[in-house]
Amino acid sequence: MVNFLRVTEQQGPEAVERLVRAYHESSKALQGTPGLLRNELLRSLHEPERFAVLSEWEGRDAFTAWEQGARHKGQTAPVREFADSRPARMPFVVYDVVDAYSE
């Protein structure tokens, strides 16, 4: 699963640090989630305001069970303010790994 995130000028100069802290908070809350193998916070090389969280699951059933479960919204709440619904300007993107968690 890939979740796209973005910081904006309106969020202030410390937005990137807040996003990274939010990623860590969510990742700690997700530790021990059945089926979640790992996740990574990635940052676009071409559009540094854009980020992505790439999560690896044992399979679609494990992901769907978590996504439909009661804990999903609380575990991902810290990063929600950074959700990016706008398409990237580039036809492809290259990301650097900022941080990662694995079971």
Protein backbone atom coordinates (compact mmCIF):
# COMPACT_ATOMS: atom_id res chain seq x y z
CA MET A 1 0.00 0.00 0.00
CA VAL A 2 1.18 3.52 -0.75
CA ASN A 3 -0.17 6.56 1.09
CA PHE A 4 0.81 9.89 -0.47
CA LEU A 5 1.55 12.86 1.79
CA ARG A 6 2.49 16.49 1.18
CA VAL A 7 3.61 19.48 3.23
CA THR A 8 2.42 22.96 2.25
CA GLU A 9 3.69 26.47 2.90
CA GLN A 10 0.52 27.13 4.91
CA GLN A 11 1.56 24.41 7.37
CA GLY A 12 4.63 26.44 8.28
CA PRO A 13 8.40 25.94 8.13
CA GLU A 14 8.37 23.11 10.69
CA ALA A 15 5.89 21.01 8.68
CA VAL A 16 8.48 18.48 7.51
CA GLU A 17 9.61 17.82 11.09
CA ARG A 18 5.95 17.46 12.17
CA LEU A 19 5.30 15.01 9.34
CA VAL A 20 8.31 12.88 10.34
CA ARG A 21 7.15 12.90 13.98
CA ALA A 22 3.63 11.97 12.86
CA TYR A 23 5.06 9.08 10.82
CA HIS A 24 6.94 7.78 13.87
CA GLU A 25 3.85 8.12 16.08
CA SER A 26 1.71 6.20 13.59
CA SER A 27 4.40 3.56 13.05
CA LYS A 28 4.75 2.96 16.79
CA ALA A 29 0.97 2.59 17.08
CA LEU A 30 1.06 0.08 14.21
CA GLN A 31 3.72 -2.15 15.80
CA GLY A 32 2.34 -5.63 16.28
CA THR A 33 -0.46 -5.18 13.73
CA PRO A 34 -1.20 -8.64 12.30
CA GLY A 35 0.04 -8.95 8.73
CA LEU A 36 2.06 -5.70 8.63
CA LEU A 37 5.63 -6.56 7.69
CA ARG A 38 7.18 -3.09 7.39
CA ASN A 39 6.65 0.49 6.31
CA GLU A 40 8.90 3.23 5.00
CA LEU A 41 8.63 7.00 4.86
CA LEU A 42 9.83 8.20 1.46
CA ARG A 43 10.56 11.73 0.19
CA SER A 44 10.41 12.77 -3.45
CA LEU A 45 13.74 13.81 -4.94
CA HIS A 46 12.05 16.01 -7.55
CA GLU A 47 9.27 17.52 -5.42
CA PRO A 48 10.64 17.61 -1.84
CA GLU A 49 7.28 18.70 -0.42
CA ARG A 50 5.87 15.30 -1.41
CA PHE A 51 6.20 12.16 0.71
CA ALA A 52 4.85 8.64 0.61
CA VAL A 53 4.44 5.88 3.17
CA LEU A 54 5.02 2.50 1.57
CA SER A 55 3.73 -0.38 3.68
CA GLU A 56 4.31 -4.06 3.01
CA TRP A 57 1.69 -6.58 4.14
CA GLU A 58 1.54 -10.38 4.21
CA GLY A 59 -1.30 -10.08 1.71
CA ARG A 60 -4.38 -8.19 0.69
CA ASP A 61 -6.55 -9.97 3.27
CA ALA A 62 -4.32 -8.80 6.13
CA PHE A 63 -4.39 -5.22 4.84
CA THR A 64 -8.17 -5.25 4.33
CA ALA A 65 -8.78 -6.67 7.81
CA TRP A 66 -6.68 -3.88 9.34
CA GLU A 67 -8.20 -1.15 7.14
CA GLN A 68 -11.72 -2.19 8.10
CA GLY A 69 -10.84 -2.67 11.76
CA ALA A 70 -11.59 -0.34 14.65
CA ARG A 71 -7.94 0.65 15.26
CA HIS A 72 -7.16 1.84 11.69
CA LYS A 73 -8.30 5.46 12.01
CA GLY A 74 -6.62 6.02 15.36
CA GLN A 75 -3.34 4.50 14.22
CA THR A 76 -3.15 6.70 11.12
CA ALA A 77 -4.61 9.90 12.62
CA PRO A 78 -1.22 11.60 13.19
CA VAL A 79 -0.39 11.71 9.46
CA ARG A 80 -3.85 12.61 8.19
CA GLU A 81 -3.23 16.37 8.13
CA PHE A 82 -0.59 15.69 5.46
CA ALA A 83 -2.77 13.55 3.14
CA ASP A 84 -2.16 14.45 -0.50
CA SER A 85 -5.00 14.00 -2.95
CA ARG A 86 -3.37 16.06 -5.71
CA PRO A 87 -1.50 14.22 -8.46
CA ALA A 88 2.24 14.67 -8.73
CA ARG A 89 3.47 17.06 -11.41
CA MET A 90 5.94 14.50 -12.72
CA PRO A 91 4.96 11.47 -14.85
CA PHE A 92 7.16 9.38 -12.52
CA VAL A 93 8.69 10.03 -9.14
CA VAL A 94 11.88 8.97 -7.38
CA TYR A 95 11.88 8.82 -3.58
CA ASP A 96 14.61 8.57 -0.93
CA VAL A 97 13.91 6.52 2.20
CA VAL A 98 13.63 8.89 5.17
CA ASP A 99 12.92 6.22 7.81
CA ALA A 100 11.53 2.69 8.17
CA TYR A 101 9.95 0.24 10.61
CA SER A 102 9.80 -3.54 10.31
CA GLU A 103 8.53 -6.35 12.48
